[in-house]
Amino acid sequence: RLKREEEAQREYSAARQVIEALAASIDE
């Protein structure tokens, strides 16, 4: 919303990394 797209993409990428790491820890 602040038109700071590179920073936005950095945060979205970090979110994806955390999500994927958490998913890898779920056995079921």
PDB file of all heavy atoms in Angstrom:
ATOM      1  N   ARG A   1       0.833  -1.213   0.000  1.00  0.00           N
ATOM      2  CA  ARG A   1       0.000   0.000   0.000  1.00  0.00           C
ATOM      3  C   ARG A   1       0.866   1.260   0.000  1.00  0.00           C
ATOM      4  O   ARG A   1       0.436   2.303  -0.494  1.00  0.00           O
ATOM      5  CB  ARG A   1      -0.945  -0.004   1.204  1.00  0.00           C
ATOM      6  CG  ARG A   1      -2.077  -1.007   1.082  1.00  0.00           C
ATOM      7  CD  ARG A   1      -3.054  -0.909   2.223  1.00  0.00           C
ATOM      8  NE  ARG A   1      -3.668   0.420   2.322  1.00  0.00           N
ATOM      9  CZ  ARG A   1      -4.616   0.721   3.200  1.00  0.00           C
ATOM     10  NH1 ARG A   1      -5.071  -0.193   4.040  1.00  0.00           N
ATOM     11  NH2 ARG A   1      -5.125   1.932   3.249  1.00  0.00           N
ATOM     12  N   LEU A   2       2.072   1.156   0.556  1.00  0.00           N
ATOM     13  CA  LEU A   2       2.996   2.289   0.562  1.00  0.00           C
ATOM     14  C   LEU A   2       3.807   2.383  -0.732  1.00  0.00           C
ATOM     15  O   LEU A   2       4.696   3.225  -0.839  1.00  0.00           O
ATOM     16  CB  LEU A   2       3.947   2.179   1.754  1.00  0.00           C
ATOM     17  CG  LEU A   2       3.347   2.432   3.146  1.00  0.00           C
ATOM     18  CD1 LEU A   2       4.314   2.005   4.238  1.00  0.00           C
ATOM     19  CD2 LEU A   2       2.967   3.907   3.309  1.00  0.00           C
ATOM     20  N   LYS A   3       3.505   1.502  -1.684  1.00  0.00           N
ATOM     21  CA  LYS A   3       4.220   1.471  -2.974  1.00  0.00           C
ATOM     22  C   LYS A   3       5.695   1.099  -2.798  1.00  0.00           C
ATOM     23  O   LYS A   3       6.537   1.490  -3.595  1.00  0.00           O
ATOM     24  CB  LYS A   3       4.112   2.816  -3.707  1.00  0.00           C
ATOM     25  CG  LYS A   3       2.695   3.367  -3.815  1.00  0.00           C
ATOM     26  CD  LYS A   3       1.785   2.435  -4.586  1.00  0.00           C
ATOM     27  CE  LYS A   3       0.386   3.042  -4.744  1.00  0.00           C
ATOM     28  NZ  LYS A   3      -0.574   2.094  -5.381  1.00  0.00           N
ATOM     29  N   ARG A   4       5.999   0.326  -1.772  1.00  0.00           N
ATOM     30  CA  ARG A   4       7.372  -0.145  -1.536  1.00  0.00           C
ATOM     31  C   ARG A   4       7.409  -1.631  -1.884  1.00  0.00           C
ATOM     32  O   ARG A   4       7.450  -2.505  -1.027  1.00  0.00           O
ATOM     33  CB  ARG A   4       7.767   0.128  -0.083  1.00  0.00           C
ATOM     34  CG  ARG A   4       7.883   1.617   0.202  1.00  0.00           C
ATOM     35  CD  ARG A   4       7.746   1.988   1.677  1.00  0.00           C
ATOM     36  NE  ARG A   4       8.795   1.440   2.512  1.00  0.00           N
ATOM     37  CZ  ARG A   4       8.919   1.713   3.812  1.00  0.00           C
ATOM     38  NH1 ARG A   4       8.060   2.563   4.384  1.00  0.00           N
ATOM     39  NH2 ARG A   4       9.870   1.166   4.524  1.00  0.00           N
ATOM     40  N   GLU A   5       7.360  -1.902  -3.181  1.00  0.00           N
ATOM     41  CA  GLU A   5       7.108  -3.259  -3.672  1.00  0.00           C
ATOM     42  C   GLU A   5       8.224  -4.238  -3.335  1.00  0.00           C
ATOM     43  O   GLU A   5       7.957  -5.403  -3.009  1.00  0.00           O
ATOM     44  CB  GLU A   5       6.885  -3.230  -5.184  1.00  0.00           C
ATOM     45  CG  GLU A   5       6.409  -4.553  -5.760  1.00  0.00           C
ATOM     46  CD  GLU A   5       5.079  -5.025  -5.177  1.00  0.00           C
ATOM     47  OE1 GLU A   5       4.270  -4.172  -4.732  1.00  0.00           O
ATOM     48  OE2 GLU A   5       4.860  -6.254  -5.143  1.00  0.00           O
ATOM     49  N   GLU A   6       9.481  -3.805  -3.386  1.00  0.00           N
ATOM     50  CA  GLU A   6      10.568  -4.726  -3.073  1.00  0.00           C
ATOM     51  C   GLU A   6      10.491  -5.193  -1.623  1.00  0.00           C
ATOM     52  O   GLU A   6      10.711  -6.383  -1.336  1.00  0.00           O
ATOM     53  CB  GLU A   6      11.915  -4.076  -3.364  1.00  0.00           C
ATOM     54  CG  GLU A   6      12.221  -3.939  -4.847  1.00  0.00           C
ATOM     55  CD  GLU A   6      13.632  -3.424  -5.080  1.00  0.00           C
ATOM     56  OE1 GLU A   6      14.553  -3.848  -4.356  1.00  0.00           O
ATOM     57  OE2 GLU A   6      13.806  -2.601  -5.994  1.00  0.00           O
ATOM     58  N   GLU A   7      10.175  -4.270  -0.731  1.00  0.00           N
ATOM     59  CA  GLU A   7      10.036  -4.644   0.679  1.00  0.00           C
ATOM     60  C   GLU A   7       8.822  -5.538   0.875  1.00  0.00           C
ATOM     61  O   GLU A   7       8.843  -6.472   1.695  1.00  0.00           O
ATOM     62  CB  GLU A   7       9.949  -3.388   1.539  1.00  0.00           C
ATOM     63  CG  GLU A   7      11.256  -2.624   1.625  1.00  0.00           C
ATOM     64  CD  GLU A   7      11.066  -1.215   2.163  1.00  0.00           C
ATOM     65  OE1 GLU A   7      10.522  -0.363   1.434  1.00  0.00           O
ATOM     66  OE2 GLU A   7      11.476  -0.993   3.313  1.00  0.00           O
ATOM     67  N   ALA A   8       7.759  -5.273   0.139  1.00  0.00           N
ATOM     68  CA  ALA A   8       6.570  -6.124   0.218  1.00  0.00           C
ATOM     69  C   ALA A   8       6.906  -7.548  -0.207  1.00  0.00           C
ATOM     70  O   ALA A   8       6.548  -8.524   0.476  1.00  0.00           O
ATOM     71  CB  ALA A   8       5.456  -5.554  -0.656  1.00  0.00           C
ATOM     72  N   GLN A   9       7.617  -7.680  -1.324  1.00  0.00           N
ATOM     73  CA  GLN A   9       7.978  -9.007  -1.806  1.00  0.00           C
ATOM     74  C   GLN A   9       8.922  -9.720  -0.838  1.00  0.00           C
ATOM     75  O   GLN A   9       8.846 -10.942  -0.669  1.00  0.00           O
ATOM     76  CB  GLN A   9       8.631  -8.896  -3.189  1.00  0.00           C
ATOM     77  CG  GLN A   9       7.664  -8.516  -4.294  1.00  0.00           C
ATOM     78  CD  GLN A   9       6.528  -9.517  -4.437  1.00  0.00           C
ATOM     79  OE1 GLN A   9       6.734 -10.726  -4.387  1.00  0.00           O
ATOM     80  NE2 GLN A   9       5.316  -9.015  -4.612  1.00  0.00           N
ATOM     81  N   ARG A  10       9.790  -8.962  -0.186  1.00  0.00           N
ATOM     82  CA  ARG A  10      10.689  -9.551   0.810  1.00  0.00           C
ATOM     83  C   ARG A  10       9.887 -10.166   1.962  1.00  0.00           C
ATOM     84  O   ARG A  10      10.172 -11.277   2.412  1.00  0.00           O
ATOM     85  CB  ARG A  10      11.643  -8.478   1.351  1.00  0.00           C
ATOM     86  CG  ARG A  10      12.640  -8.990   2.395  1.00  0.00           C
ATOM     87  CD  ARG A  10      13.299  -7.822   3.097  1.00  0.00           C
ATOM     88  NE  ARG A  10      12.335  -7.054   3.873  1.00  0.00           N
ATOM     89  CZ  ARG A  10      12.475  -5.771   4.219  1.00  0.00           C
ATOM     90  NH1 ARG A  10      13.537  -5.094   3.816  1.00  0.00           N
ATOM     91  NH2 ARG A  10      11.561  -5.166   4.937  1.00  0.00           N
ATOM     92  N   GLU A  11       8.870  -9.435   2.433  1.00  0.00           N
ATOM     93  CA  GLU A  11       8.057  -9.941   3.532  1.00  0.00           C
ATOM     94  C   GLU A  11       7.214 -11.132   3.104  1.00  0.00           C
ATOM     95  O   GLU A  11       7.072 -12.112   3.853  1.00  0.00           O
ATOM     96  CB  GLU A  11       7.157  -8.824   4.082  1.00  0.00           C
ATOM     97  CG  GLU A  11       7.912  -7.677   4.729  1.00  0.00           C
ATOM     98  CD  GLU A  11       8.735  -8.081   5.941  1.00  0.00           C
ATOM     99  OE1 GLU A  11       8.381  -9.092   6.596  1.00  0.00           O
ATOM    100  OE2 GLU A  11       9.731  -7.410   6.234  1.00  0.00           O
ATOM    101  N   TYR A  12       6.640 -11.077   1.912  1.00  0.00           N
ATOM    102  CA  TYR A  12       5.859 -12.216   1.420  1.00  0.00           C
ATOM    103  C   TYR A  12       6.742 -13.455   1.274  1.00  0.00           C
ATOM    104  O   TYR A  12       6.323 -14.578   1.586  1.00  0.00           O
ATOM    105  CB  TYR A  12       5.213 -11.879   0.077  1.00  0.00           C
ATOM    106  CG  TYR A  12       4.079 -10.883   0.158  1.00  0.00           C
ATOM    107  CD1 TYR A  12       3.930  -9.890  -0.813  1.00  0.00           C
ATOM    108  CD2 TYR A  12       3.141 -10.930   1.191  1.00  0.00           C
ATOM    109  CE1 TYR A  12       2.886  -8.976  -0.750  1.00  0.00           C
ATOM    110  CE2 TYR A  12       2.105 -10.023   1.264  1.00  0.00           C
ATOM    111  CZ  TYR A  12       1.977  -9.041   0.277  1.00  0.00           C
ATOM    112  OH  TYR A  12       0.939  -8.140   0.348  1.00  0.00           O
ATOM    113  N   SER A  13       7.966 -13.254   0.783  1.00  0.00           N
ATOM    114  CA  SER A  13       8.890 -14.369   0.642  1.00  0.00           C
ATOM    115  C   SER A  13       9.246 -14.963   2.005  1.00  0.00           C
ATOM    116  O   SER A  13       9.308 -16.196   2.163  1.00  0.00           O
ATOM    117  CB  SER A  13      10.160 -13.894  -0.070  1.00  0.00           C
ATOM    118  OG  SER A  13      11.099 -14.935  -0.174  1.00  0.00           O
ATOM    119  N   ALA A  14       9.450 -14.093   2.999  1.00  0.00           N
ATOM    120  CA  ALA A  14       9.748 -14.574   4.352  1.00  0.00           C
ATOM    121  C   ALA A  14       8.569 -15.358   4.916  1.00  0.00           C
ATOM    122  O   ALA A  14       8.751 -16.389   5.576  1.00  0.00           O
ATOM    123  CB  ALA A  14      10.084 -13.394   5.257  1.00  0.00           C
ATOM    124  N   ALA A  15       7.344 -14.887   4.652  1.00  0.00           N
ATOM    125  CA  ALA A  15       6.150 -15.597   5.113  1.00  0.00           C
ATOM    126  C   ALA A  15       6.092 -16.992   4.505  1.00  0.00           C
ATOM    127  O   ALA A  15       5.808 -17.986   5.196  1.00  0.00           O
ATOM    128  CB  ALA A  15       4.900 -14.809   4.757  1.00  0.00           C
ATOM    129  N   ARG A  16       6.381 -17.089   3.204  1.00  0.00           N
ATOM    130  CA  ARG A  16       6.356 -18.394   2.538  1.00  0.00           C
ATOM    131  C   ARG A  16       7.401 -19.340   3.137  1.00  0.00           C
ATOM    132  O   ARG A  16       7.136 -20.533   3.324  1.00  0.00           O
ATOM    133  CB  ARG A  16       6.616 -18.232   1.039  1.00  0.00           C
ATOM    134  CG  ARG A  16       5.467 -17.599   0.286  1.00  0.00           C
ATOM    135  CD  ARG A  16       5.701 -17.592  -1.215  1.00  0.00           C
ATOM    136  NE  ARG A  16       4.654 -16.837  -1.879  1.00  0.00           N
ATOM    137  CZ  ARG A  16       4.721 -15.539  -2.159  1.00  0.00           C
ATOM    138  NH1 ARG A  16       5.813 -14.851  -1.839  1.00  0.00           N
ATOM    139  NH2 ARG A  16       3.708 -14.929  -2.744  1.00  0.00           N
ATOM    140  N   GLN A  17       8.569 -18.821   3.423  1.00  0.00           N
ATOM    141  CA  GLN A  17       9.628 -19.663   3.985  1.00  0.00           C
ATOM    142  C   GLN A  17       9.210 -20.221   5.342  1.00  0.00           C
ATOM    143  O   GLN A  17       9.434 -21.398   5.639  1.00  0.00           O
ATOM    144  CB  GLN A  17      10.924 -18.866   4.099  1.00  0.00           C
ATOM    145  CG  GLN A  17      11.569 -18.532   2.762  1.00  0.00           C
ATOM    146  CD  GLN A  17      12.789 -17.640   2.914  1.00  0.00           C
ATOM    147  OE1 GLN A  17      13.310 -17.461   4.008  1.00  0.00           O
ATOM    148  NE2 GLN A  17      13.235 -17.064   1.813  1.00  0.00           N
ATOM    149  N   VAL A  18       8.606 -19.371   6.179  1.00  0.00           N
ATOM    150  CA  VAL A  18       8.164 -19.827   7.507  1.00  0.00           C
ATOM    151  C   VAL A  18       7.053 -20.856   7.358  1.00  0.00           C
ATOM    152  O   VAL A  18       7.055 -21.900   8.035  1.00  0.00           O
ATOM    153  CB  VAL A  18       7.693 -18.636   8.363  1.00  0.00           C
ATOM    154  CG1 VAL A  18       7.135 -19.131   9.699  1.00  0.00           C
ATOM    155  CG2 VAL A  18       8.835 -17.659   8.611  1.00  0.00           C
ATOM    156  N   ILE A  19       6.094 -20.592   6.471  1.00  0.00           N
ATOM    157  CA  ILE A  19       4.988 -21.523   6.253  1.00  0.00           C
ATOM    158  C   ILE A  19       5.500 -22.885   5.806  1.00  0.00           C
ATOM    159  O   ILE A  19       5.080 -23.932   6.319  1.00  0.00           O
ATOM    160  CB  ILE A  19       4.003 -20.948   5.209  1.00  0.00           C
ATOM    161  CG1 ILE A  19       3.238 -19.759   5.800  1.00  0.00           C
ATOM    162  CG2 ILE A  19       3.016 -22.025   4.735  1.00  0.00           C
ATOM    163  CD1 ILE A  19       2.478 -18.945   4.767  1.00  0.00           C
ATOM    164  N   GLU A  20       6.415 -22.886   4.850  1.00  0.00           N
ATOM    165  CA  GLU A  20       6.933 -24.153   4.325  1.00  0.00           C
ATOM    166  C   GLU A  20       7.738 -24.910   5.382  1.00  0.00           C
ATOM    167  O   GLU A  20       7.671 -26.147   5.459  1.00  0.00           O
ATOM    168  CB  GLU A  20       7.775 -23.881   3.079  1.00  0.00           C
ATOM    169  CG  GLU A  20       6.919 -23.447   1.885  1.00  0.00           C
ATOM    170  CD  GLU A  20       7.739 -22.873   0.741  1.00  0.00           C
ATOM    171  OE1 GLU A  20       8.984 -22.780   0.885  1.00  0.00           O
ATOM    172  OE2 GLU A  20       7.138 -22.514  -0.283  1.00  0.00           O
ATOM    173  N   ALA A  21       8.484 -24.186   6.203  1.00  0.00           N
ATOM    174  CA  ALA A  21       9.235 -24.839   7.278  1.00  0.00           C
ATOM    175  C   ALA A  21       8.291 -25.443   8.310  1.00  0.00           C
ATOM    176  O   ALA A  21       8.515 -26.560   8.798  1.00  0.00           O
ATOM    177  CB  ALA A  21      10.175 -23.835   7.942  1.00  0.00           C
ATOM    178  N   LEU A  22       7.226 -24.724   8.649  1.00  0.00           N
ATOM    179  CA  LEU A  22       6.248 -25.247   9.596  1.00  0.00           C
ATOM    180  C   LEU A  22       5.541 -26.467   9.024  1.00  0.00           C
ATOM    181  O   LEU A  22       5.334 -27.466   9.721  1.00  0.00           O
ATOM    182  CB  LEU A  22       5.226 -24.164   9.948  1.00  0.00           C
ATOM    183  CG  LEU A  22       5.731 -23.022  10.825  1.00  0.00           C
ATOM    184  CD1 LEU A  22       4.718 -21.890  10.880  1.00  0.00           C
ATOM    185  CD2 LEU A  22       6.043 -23.517  12.231  1.00  0.00           C
ATOM    186  N   ALA A  23       5.163 -26.384   7.758  1.00  0.00           N
ATOM    187  CA  ALA A  23       4.469 -27.514   7.122  1.00  0.00           C
ATOM    188  C   ALA A  23       5.333 -28.763   7.143  1.00  0.00           C
ATOM    189  O   ALA A  23       4.836 -29.879   7.347  1.00  0.00           O
ATOM    190  CB  ALA A  23       4.088 -27.153   5.690  1.00  0.00           C
ATOM    191  N   ALA A  24       6.627 -28.595   6.957  1.00  0.00           N
ATOM    192  CA  ALA A  24       7.541 -29.738   6.955  1.00  0.00           C
ATOM    193  C   ALA A  24       7.592 -30.430   8.314  1.00  0.00           C
ATOM    194  O   ALA A  24       7.989 -31.596   8.411  1.00  0.00           O
ATOM    195  CB  ALA A  24       8.938 -29.289   6.540  1.00  0.00           C
ATOM    196  N   SER A  25       7.198 -29.727   9.373  1.00  0.00           N
ATOM    197  CA  SER A  25       7.234 -30.298  10.723  1.00  0.00           C
ATOM    198  C   SER A  25       5.929 -30.991  11.104  1.00  0.00           C
ATOM    199  O   SER A  25       5.823 -31.559  12.194  1.00  0.00           O
ATOM    200  CB  SER A  25       7.538 -29.191  11.747  1.00  0.00           C
ATOM    201  OG  SER A  25       6.416 -28.337  11.907  1.00  0.00           O
ATOM    202  N   ILE A  26       4.916 -30.940  10.234  1.00  0.00           N
ATOM    203  CA  ILE A  26       3.605 -31.537  10.532  1.00  0.00           C
ATOM    204  C   ILE A  26       3.577 -32.946   9.955  1.00  0.00           C
ATOM    205  O   ILE A  26       3.622 -33.133   8.740  1.00  0.00           O
ATOM    206  CB  ILE A  26       2.466 -30.682   9.935  1.00  0.00           C
ATOM    207  CG1 ILE A  26       2.531 -29.253  10.494  1.00  0.00           C
ATOM    208  CG2 ILE A  26       1.110 -31.311  10.237  1.00  0.00           C
ATOM    209  CD1 ILE A  26       1.612 -28.277   9.789  1.00  0.00           C
ATOM    210  N   ASP A  27       3.471 -33.945  10.812  1.00  0.00           N
ATOM    211  CA  ASP A  27       3.573 -35.339  10.371  1.00  0.00           C
ATOM    212  C   ASP A  27       2.328 -35.812   9.617  1.00  0.00           C
ATOM    213  O   ASP A  27       2.440 -36.531   8.621  1.00  0.00           O
ATOM    214  CB  ASP A  27       3.812 -36.261  11.570  1.00  0.00           C
ATOM    215  CG  ASP A  27       5.180 -36.030  12.209  1.00  0.00           C
ATOM    216  OD1 ASP A  27       6.104 -35.624  11.481  1.00  0.00           O
ATOM    217  OD2 ASP A  27       5.312 -36.235  13.425  1.00  0.00           O
ATOM    218  N   GLU A  28       1.151 -35.441  10.097  1.00  0.00           N
ATOM    219  CA  GLU A  28      -0.075 -35.956   9.496  1.00  0.00           C
ATOM    220  C   GLU A  28      -0.338 -35.277   8.155  1.00  0.00           C
ATOM    221  O   GLU A  28      -0.444 -34.049   8.075  1.00  0.00           O
ATOM    222  CB  GLU A  28      -1.260 -35.736  10.438  1.00  0.00           C
ATOM    223  CG  GLU A  28      -2.528 -36.418   9.967  1.00  0.00           C
ATOM    224  CD  GLU A  28      -3.645 -36.333  10.992  1.00  0.00           C
ATOM    225  OE1 GLU A  28      -3.335 -36.346  12.205  1.00  0.00           O
ATOM    226  OE2 GLU A  28      -4.808 -36.252  10.575  1.00  0.00           O
TER     227      GLU A  28
END
